[in-house]
Amino acid sequence: MKGRFDTRIGERRLDSAPAFHAQVTFIGHITSPWSLGDCPKNLRQARETGRDASLHINPLFRPGLSGIEAGDALVLLYWMSEAPRDLIHQTPRHRDEGTGTFNLRSPARPNPIGMGIVKVLEIDASQGVVRIDAIDAIDGTPLIDIKPHMPQADRVPD
């Protein structure tokens, strides 16, 4: 059985390791029902399962949850730590031909940052727990940031 991130026909890896330029602080982690072997490929698939998830915010960052309420939509940024960082041209299983990594939502990328827009089901800011409707990340995934989803600002122009 091939691994999830084995190189497929038509794919290309970087010729050398990229330089790293910044530091990232994880503000918490995601608790989800998913492992690497069964994680949905996207949030639509995750929602279809009806299984929710939770964000667990480190104590230092819990004051930043102020103002977030059940029903709010949030943009999450998370670090997909199990993904390779050297795959620059990929051939997804659902496509006949490959394409550049930056034309895909694949977790395999130079900076394996996932992004999803989720709905808050409930929040306990004092405990740093935010229950969300769904997530396409494996259990224990580090959480980079939370931002409010703002339809008026996040809309693609015509």
Protein backbone atom coordinates (compact mmCIF):
# COMPACT_ATOMS: atom_id res chain seq x y z
CA MET A 1 0.00 0.00 0.00
CA LYS A 2 1.35 3.40 -0.95
CA GLY A 3 1.58 6.19 1.58
CA ARG A 4 -0.63 9.26 1.37
CA PHE A 5 2.25 11.52 0.34
CA ASP A 6 4.26 9.17 -1.90
CA THR A 7 5.27 10.82 -5.17
CA ARG A 8 2.86 10.01 -8.01
CA ILE A 9 3.51 9.98 -11.77
CA GLY A 10 3.93 13.53 -13.03
CA GLU A 11 4.84 14.98 -9.64
CA ARG A 12 8.02 16.84 -8.82
CA ARG A 13 9.77 17.64 -5.58
CA LEU A 14 12.02 20.63 -4.89
CA ASP A 15 15.66 20.18 -5.87
CA SER A 16 16.88 21.57 -2.55
CA ALA A 17 15.51 22.46 0.87
CA PRO A 18 14.06 25.99 1.09
CA ALA A 19 15.36 28.55 3.58
CA PHE A 20 13.14 29.39 6.53
CA HIS A 21 12.50 33.05 7.27
CA ALA A 22 10.12 33.38 10.19
CA GLN A 23 8.85 31.90 13.41
CA VAL A 24 5.29 30.81 14.13
CA THR A 25 3.67 30.55 17.54
CA PHE A 26 1.01 27.90 17.91
CA ILE A 27 -1.91 29.35 19.88
CA GLY A 28 -3.38 25.93 20.64
CA HIS A 29 -4.39 22.75 18.89
CA ILE A 30 -7.35 21.12 17.19
CA THR A 31 -9.10 18.07 18.59
CA SER A 32 -10.81 16.19 15.79
CA PRO A 33 -12.11 12.68 15.10
CA TRP A 34 -9.60 12.27 12.26
CA SER A 35 -6.32 10.43 11.83
CA LEU A 36 -3.97 10.71 8.86
CA GLY A 37 -5.61 7.67 7.27
CA ASP A 38 -9.23 8.87 7.38
CA CYS A 39 -9.11 12.67 7.36
CA PRO A 40 -11.55 14.28 4.91
CA LYS A 41 -9.89 16.08 1.98
CA ASN A 42 -11.83 19.32 2.57
CA LEU A 43 -14.37 20.97 4.86
CA ARG A 44 -17.33 20.04 2.65
CA GLN A 45 -16.48 16.35 3.11
CA ALA A 46 -15.90 16.88 6.83
CA ARG A 47 -19.31 18.56 7.24
CA GLU A 48 -21.01 15.72 5.40
CA THR A 49 -19.89 13.32 8.15
CA GLY A 50 -21.73 15.35 10.81
CA ARG A 51 -18.71 15.11 13.13
CA ASP A 52 -17.65 18.26 14.95
CA ALA A 53 -14.27 19.26 16.37
CA SER A 54 -12.83 21.57 19.02
CA LEU A 55 -10.16 24.22 19.27
CA HIS A 56 -8.12 24.21 22.48
CA ILE A 57 -6.48 27.56 23.09
CA ASN A 58 -3.38 27.87 25.27
CA PRO A 59 -3.96 29.90 28.48
CA LEU A 60 -1.76 32.80 27.33
CA PHE A 61 -4.00 33.40 24.30
CA ARG A 62 -7.46 32.82 25.84
CA PRO A 63 -8.18 36.54 26.33
CA GLY A 64 -8.13 36.78 22.52
CA LEU A 65 -11.37 34.77 22.41
CA SER A 66 -13.30 37.72 23.86
CA GLY A 67 -16.21 38.68 21.62
CA ILE A 68 -16.52 35.32 19.85
CA GLU A 69 -19.96 33.75 20.26
CA ALA A 70 -21.84 30.63 19.20
CA GLY A 71 -23.05 31.06 15.64
CA ASP A 72 -20.03 33.13 14.56
CA ALA A 73 -18.05 32.14 11.48
CA LEU A 74 -14.29 31.97 11.96
CA VAL A 75 -11.35 31.64 9.61
CA LEU A 76 -8.84 29.15 11.04
CA LEU A 77 -5.21 28.82 10.05
CA TYR A 78 -3.56 25.57 11.09
CA TRP A 79 -0.23 23.82 10.60
CA MET A 80 -0.56 20.50 8.74
CA SER A 81 2.57 19.09 10.34
CA GLU A 82 2.42 15.64 8.73
CA ALA A 83 2.50 16.96 5.15
CA PRO A 84 5.68 17.05 3.07
CA ARG A 85 7.12 20.49 2.35
CA ASP A 86 9.02 19.72 -0.84
CA LEU A 87 6.29 18.75 -3.32
CA ILE A 88 6.05 21.59 -5.87
CA HIS A 89 4.09 19.93 -8.72
CA GLN A 90 1.31 17.50 -7.83
CA THR A 91 -1.08 15.06 -9.47
CA PRO A 92 -4.18 14.79 -7.29
CA ARG A 93 -6.04 11.49 -7.39
CA HIS A 94 -9.10 13.22 -8.86
CA ARG A 95 -7.19 14.73 -11.84
CA ASP A 96 -5.67 13.17 -14.92
CA GLU A 97 -2.86 15.71 -15.14
CA GLY A 98 -0.64 17.40 -12.61
CA THR A 99 -0.53 21.06 -11.69
CA GLY A 100 1.51 23.41 -9.56
CA THR A 101 1.18 23.17 -5.80
CA PHE A 102 -0.06 26.76 -5.58
CA ASN A 103 -3.02 25.81 -7.78
CA LEU A 104 -4.20 23.24 -5.20
CA ARG A 105 -5.51 23.11 -1.65
CA SER A 106 -3.31 20.11 -0.90
CA PRO A 107 -1.59 20.06 2.50
CA ALA A 108 1.69 19.22 0.75
CA ARG A 109 3.32 22.62 0.20
CA PRO A 110 6.36 24.66 1.28
CA ASN A 111 4.40 26.07 4.23
CA PRO A 112 1.79 23.45 5.16
CA ILE A 113 -0.81 25.95 6.33
CA GLY A 114 -4.42 24.86 6.24
CA MET A 115 -7.28 27.30 6.11
CA GLY A 116 -10.93 26.73 6.82
CA ILE A 117 -14.06 28.73 7.53
CA VAL A 118 -15.96 27.11 10.38
CA LYS A 119 -19.02 27.82 12.50
CA VAL A 120 -18.78 28.14 16.28
CA LEU A 121 -21.20 25.74 17.98
CA GLU A 122 -20.27 26.72 21.53
CA ILE A 123 -17.46 28.44 23.36
CA ASP A 124 -16.00 28.36 26.85
CA ALA A 125 -13.46 31.18 26.70
CA SER A 126 -12.34 30.68 30.30
CA GLN A 127 -11.32 27.08 29.50
CA GLY A 128 -10.12 27.99 26.01
CA VAL A 129 -12.41 25.53 24.23
CA VAL A 130 -14.27 26.40 21.06
CA ARG A 131 -16.49 23.67 19.58
CA ILE A 132 -16.81 24.00 15.79
CA ASP A 133 -19.04 22.36 13.20
CA ALA A 134 -16.31 20.51 11.28
CA ILE A 135 -12.62 20.46 10.34
CA ASP A 136 -10.41 18.78 7.74
CA ALA A 137 -7.42 18.37 10.05
CA ILE A 138 -6.10 15.41 12.00
CA ASP A 139 -6.40 15.21 15.77
CA GLY A 140 -3.73 17.29 17.49
CA THR A 141 -3.11 19.66 14.55
CA PRO A 142 -1.40 22.86 15.78
CA LEU A 143 -3.54 26.00 15.50
CA ILE A 144 -1.80 29.09 14.13
CA ASP A 145 -4.51 31.74 14.21
CA ILE A 146 -8.21 32.55 14.40
CA LYS A 147 -9.79 35.42 12.50
CA PRO A 148 -13.42 36.50 12.17
CA HIS A 149 -15.01 35.68 8.84
CA MET A 150 -16.27 38.95 7.39
CA PRO A 151 -18.45 38.31 4.30
CA GLN A 152 -18.28 41.95 3.21
CA ALA A 153 -14.47 41.95 3.30
CA ASP A 154 -13.80 38.34 2.29
CA ARG A 155 -15.92 38.50 -0.87
CA VAL A 156 -14.17 38.01 -4.20
CA PRO A 157 -14.74 41.08 -6.42
CA ASP A 158 -16.90 40.72 -9.54
